[in-house]
Amino acid sequence: MPVATRKPPQQARSRKAEKALLLAGLKGIETRGIAALNMADVAAEARASIGSLYFRFGDKSQFVAAVLAVALEEFHDRGFAMCETAERERWPERRVLEGWVSNIVTSARQRRSLIREMISHMATQPDVWKPIHEQRRQLEDRLLSVLSARAGNGSDRVRTTRLRVGLQVVAATVIHMVTVDPGPLRIDAPSLKTVLCDLLFSFVDAPVRNNGRKPHDGA
C-alpha cells in the first residue's frame, strides 16, 4: 500500500468532498487508530455517503494510504514554504536550521497520534518506505540548496555530509520521543527546540577527525 500523492479531482465540488473525507480520515486515525478506523463513521463525519467514499478510494487500504499521503504532504509543504521564505529573505544559516527544527517539532506535536499509527502501520510494509524516503530526500535537498548559498557551504563536502547526518539525527530523535517517550527530554518540553538546535549546531561545527583519511559520505 504505497503512500503516493494523488491527483485531486478537477471539479471544485469534488475536491471539497474529497478533502472532507480525507480530513475525516485523519481525525479518525488520530482518535481511534488505523485498525479501528470505520469507513461508515468516516463518511458520516464528512457528511458523505459510504458509497461515495468507496467510489473515490476503492477500499479501506487505499483510503488509509491517501490519508497518510495528505499528512506527509502537509509536512513537506510546510518545509518547502520555509525554504522559500528563507531563500527570499536571505536568512543566515543558523536561522534556517532553527526554522527546520521548529517545523519538525511542531509537526510532531500536532500529529503525534498519527505518527505513532503511521510508524506501526508501515513497519510491516517495507515497500511503503521508498516513496517516503524519496520525499524526505527532495525536501532535504531543497534545504541544502538554501544553505549552499551561504558563504563556504557549497564547496564543503564534509560539512554537507554532517548537515545531512545532523538533520537525520534530529528527525529520528523527535520520532523516538513521539513513539517511545523515553525521557528525560520529552516532546512537549519547552526547551526541546533549543536543545535540538544546540545539538545540531555542535555536531555540524565540531572539528572533523578522520585520522588522516580522506573524508567521504559513508560512516
Protein backbone atom coordinates (compact mmCIF):
# COMPACT_ATOMS: atom_id res chain seq x y z
CA MET A 1 0.00 0.00 0.00
CA PRO A 2 2.29 2.80 -1.20
CA VAL A 3 1.88 6.31 0.14
CA ALA A 4 1.70 8.33 -3.03
CA THR A 5 0.50 11.78 -3.98
CA ARG A 6 -2.98 11.63 -5.52
CA LYS A 7 -4.22 13.90 -8.25
CA PRO A 8 -7.11 15.98 -6.88
CA PRO A 9 -10.44 15.96 -8.74
CA GLN A 10 -10.82 18.71 -11.35
CA GLN A 11 -14.19 19.99 -10.19
CA ALA A 12 -14.24 22.28 -7.15
CA ARG A 13 -17.20 20.46 -5.62
CA SER A 14 -15.48 17.10 -5.95
CA ARG A 15 -12.27 18.47 -4.47
CA LYS A 16 -14.19 19.82 -1.50
CA ALA A 17 -15.94 16.49 -0.94
CA GLU A 18 -12.68 14.55 -1.19
CA LYS A 19 -10.92 16.92 1.20
CA ALA A 20 -13.73 16.45 3.73
CA LEU A 21 -13.32 12.68 3.55
CA LEU A 22 -9.54 12.85 3.94
CA LEU A 23 -9.79 15.21 6.91
CA ALA A 24 -12.36 12.91 8.48
CA GLY A 25 -9.93 10.04 7.91
CA LEU A 26 -7.12 11.97 9.61
CA LYS A 27 -9.35 12.65 12.59
CA GLY A 28 -10.43 9.02 12.75
CA ILE A 29 -6.88 7.66 12.64
CA GLU A 30 -5.71 10.13 15.28
CA THR A 31 -8.56 9.31 17.67
CA ARG A 32 -9.12 5.58 17.01
CA GLY A 33 -6.14 4.26 15.11
CA ILE A 34 -5.93 2.62 11.68
CA ALA A 35 -7.13 -0.83 12.77
CA ALA A 36 -10.28 0.57 14.39
CA LEU A 37 -10.99 3.11 11.64
CA ASN A 38 -14.58 2.63 10.50
CA MET A 39 -15.37 3.68 6.94
CA ALA A 40 -19.03 4.33 7.74
CA ASP A 41 -18.02 6.65 10.56
CA VAL A 42 -15.62 8.46 8.24
CA ALA A 43 -18.37 9.01 5.69
CA ALA A 44 -20.73 10.26 8.38
CA GLU A 45 -18.10 12.65 9.75
CA ALA A 46 -17.57 14.06 6.26
CA ARG A 47 -21.33 14.19 5.62
CA ALA A 48 -20.93 11.89 2.64
CA SER A 49 -22.35 8.52 1.69
CA ILE A 50 -20.39 5.33 2.26
CA GLY A 51 -20.81 4.61 -1.44
CA SER A 52 -19.13 7.89 -2.33
CA LEU A 53 -16.22 7.04 -0.05
CA TYR A 54 -15.63 3.65 -1.66
CA PHE A 55 -16.16 5.07 -5.14
CA ARG A 56 -13.42 7.64 -4.61
CA PHE A 57 -10.86 5.46 -2.83
CA GLY A 58 -11.70 1.84 -3.64
CA ASP A 59 -11.24 0.23 -0.23
CA LYS A 60 -10.02 0.96 3.28
CA SER A 61 -6.40 0.17 2.44
CA GLN A 62 -6.31 2.69 -0.40
CA PHE A 63 -8.16 5.25 1.69
CA VAL A 64 -5.65 4.94 4.53
CA ALA A 65 -2.80 5.35 2.01
CA ALA A 66 -4.41 8.56 0.73
CA VAL A 67 -4.88 9.89 4.27
CA LEU A 68 -1.25 9.21 5.18
CA ALA A 69 -0.16 10.91 1.96
CA VAL A 70 -2.09 14.01 3.00
CA ALA A 71 -0.29 14.06 6.34
CA LEU A 72 3.11 13.74 4.65
CA GLU A 73 2.28 16.43 2.11
CA GLU A 74 1.29 18.74 4.95
CA PHE A 75 4.78 18.42 6.45
CA HIS A 76 6.56 18.71 3.11
CA ASP A 77 4.56 21.78 2.10
CA ARG A 78 5.47 23.43 5.39
CA GLY A 79 9.13 22.60 4.87
CA PHE A 80 9.25 23.84 1.28
CA ALA A 81 7.42 27.04 2.28
CA MET A 82 10.03 27.68 4.97
CA CYS A 83 12.83 27.16 2.44
CA GLU A 84 11.21 29.61 0.03
CA THR A 85 10.93 32.23 2.76
CA ALA A 86 14.49 31.63 3.95
CA GLU A 87 15.83 31.97 0.42
CA ARG A 88 13.80 35.06 -0.37
CA GLU A 89 14.69 36.83 2.88
CA ARG A 90 18.28 35.52 2.90
CA TRP A 91 18.17 34.02 6.36
CA PRO A 92 21.55 33.21 7.92
CA GLU A 93 22.37 29.53 8.29
CA ARG A 94 21.52 29.27 11.97
CA ARG A 95 18.08 30.75 11.43
CA VAL A 96 17.41 28.33 8.57
CA LEU A 97 18.32 25.34 10.72
CA GLU A 98 16.33 26.72 13.65
CA GLY A 99 13.31 27.01 11.37
CA TRP A 100 13.83 23.45 10.17
CA VAL A 101 13.99 22.07 13.71
CA SER A 102 10.94 24.11 14.68
CA ASN A 103 8.96 22.64 11.78
CA ILE A 104 9.82 19.09 12.78
CA VAL A 105 8.97 19.59 16.45
CA THR A 106 5.74 21.49 15.72
CA SER A 107 4.55 18.85 13.23
CA ALA A 108 5.34 16.04 15.67
CA ARG A 109 3.45 17.75 18.46
CA GLN A 110 0.42 18.38 16.28
CA ARG A 111 0.34 14.92 14.70
CA ARG A 112 1.82 12.69 17.39
CA SER A 113 -1.03 10.17 17.37
CA LEU A 114 -0.92 9.97 13.59
CA ILE A 115 2.87 9.47 13.63
CA ARG A 116 2.53 6.58 16.08
CA GLU A 117 -0.08 4.94 13.89
CA MET A 118 1.92 5.57 10.73
CA ILE A 119 5.12 4.03 12.12
CA SER A 120 3.27 0.99 13.45
CA HIS A 121 1.31 0.52 10.24
CA MET A 122 4.31 0.85 7.95
CA ALA A 123 6.55 -1.44 9.99
CA THR A 124 5.00 -4.44 8.26
CA GLN A 125 5.10 -2.89 4.78
CA PRO A 126 8.71 -2.12 3.75
CA ASP A 127 7.69 -1.09 0.21
CA VAL A 128 5.81 1.88 1.65
CA TRP A 129 9.01 3.50 2.85
CA LYS A 130 10.59 4.03 -0.59
CA PRO A 131 8.41 6.98 -1.69
CA ILE A 132 8.66 8.44 1.83
CA HIS A 133 12.45 8.31 1.68
CA GLU A 134 12.34 9.96 -1.74
CA GLN A 135 10.10 12.77 -0.49
CA ARG A 136 12.37 13.30 2.52
CA ARG A 137 15.41 13.42 0.25
CA GLN A 138 13.78 16.01 -2.01
CA LEU A 139 12.93 18.22 0.95
CA GLU A 140 16.39 17.81 2.44
CA ASP A 141 17.99 18.66 -0.90
CA ARG A 142 15.89 21.81 -1.07
CA LEU A 143 17.06 22.82 2.39
CA LEU A 144 20.69 22.18 1.50
CA SER A 145 20.31 24.23 -1.68
CA VAL A 146 19.30 27.17 0.52
CA LEU A 147 22.22 26.58 2.85
CA SER A 148 24.69 26.18 -0.03
CA ALA A 149 24.09 29.80 -0.95
CA ARG A 150 25.70 30.78 2.35
CA ALA A 151 29.43 31.50 2.34
CA GLY A 152 31.64 28.46 2.13
CA ASN A 153 28.99 25.77 2.46
CA GLY A 154 28.56 24.91 -1.19
CA SER A 155 32.12 23.58 -1.65
CA ASP A 156 32.49 21.86 1.74
CA ARG A 157 31.59 18.24 1.16
CA VAL A 158 32.37 17.15 4.72
CA ARG A 159 30.16 19.84 6.20
CA THR A 160 27.30 18.98 3.83
CA THR A 161 27.54 15.35 4.91
CA ARG A 162 27.49 16.39 8.54
CA LEU A 163 24.43 18.54 7.89
CA ARG A 164 22.61 15.56 6.38
CA VAL A 165 23.55 13.34 9.31
CA GLY A 166 22.59 16.01 11.82
CA LEU A 167 19.19 16.51 10.22
CA GLN A 168 18.63 12.75 10.23
CA VAL A 169 19.52 12.52 13.92
CA VAL A 170 17.17 15.37 14.84
CA ALA A 171 14.26 13.81 12.93
CA ALA A 172 14.93 10.35 14.37
CA THR A 173 15.14 11.76 17.90
CA VAL A 174 11.80 13.52 17.56
CA ILE A 175 10.11 10.41 16.17
CA HIS A 176 11.62 8.36 19.00
CA MET A 177 10.18 10.81 21.52
CA VAL A 178 6.73 10.52 19.97
CA THR A 179 6.70 6.74 19.65
CA VAL A 180 8.61 5.65 22.78
CA ASP A 181 8.75 8.74 25.05
CA PRO A 182 11.91 7.56 26.86
CA GLY A 183 12.75 10.82 28.61
CA PRO A 184 14.37 12.72 30.16
CA LEU A 185 13.52 15.25 27.45
CA ARG A 186 10.00 14.85 26.09
CA ILE A 187 8.15 16.12 23.04
CA ASP A 188 6.28 18.83 24.97
CA ALA A 189 9.32 20.13 26.81
CA PRO A 190 9.54 23.94 26.34
CA SER A 191 13.29 23.68 25.83
CA LEU A 192 13.12 20.95 23.18
CA LYS A 193 13.68 23.14 20.13
CA THR A 194 16.60 24.92 21.78
CA VAL A 195 18.24 21.67 22.89
CA LEU A 196 17.92 20.08 19.45
CA CYS A 197 19.30 23.18 17.75
CA ASP A 198 22.27 23.25 20.13
CA LEU A 199 22.97 19.58 19.41
CA LEU A 200 22.72 20.15 15.67
CA PHE A 201 24.99 23.19 15.69
CA SER A 202 27.54 21.45 17.93
CA PHE A 203 27.71 18.43 15.64
CA VAL A 204 27.87 20.37 12.37
CA ASP A 205 30.52 22.80 13.58
CA ALA A 206 32.64 20.34 15.56
CA PRO A 207 36.21 19.73 14.30
CA VAL A 208 36.42 16.77 11.92
CA ARG A 209 38.76 13.98 12.99
CA ASN A 210 39.39 11.37 10.30
CA ASN A 211 42.83 10.05 11.30
CA GLY A 212 44.39 11.28 8.09
CA ARG A 213 41.85 9.55 5.82
CA LYS A 214 40.08 11.37 3.06
CA PRO A 215 36.56 12.47 4.04
CA HIS A 216 33.76 10.55 2.41
CA ASP A 217 30.00 10.27 2.61
CA GLY A 218 29.96 6.99 4.47
CA ALA A 219 30.13 6.33 8.18
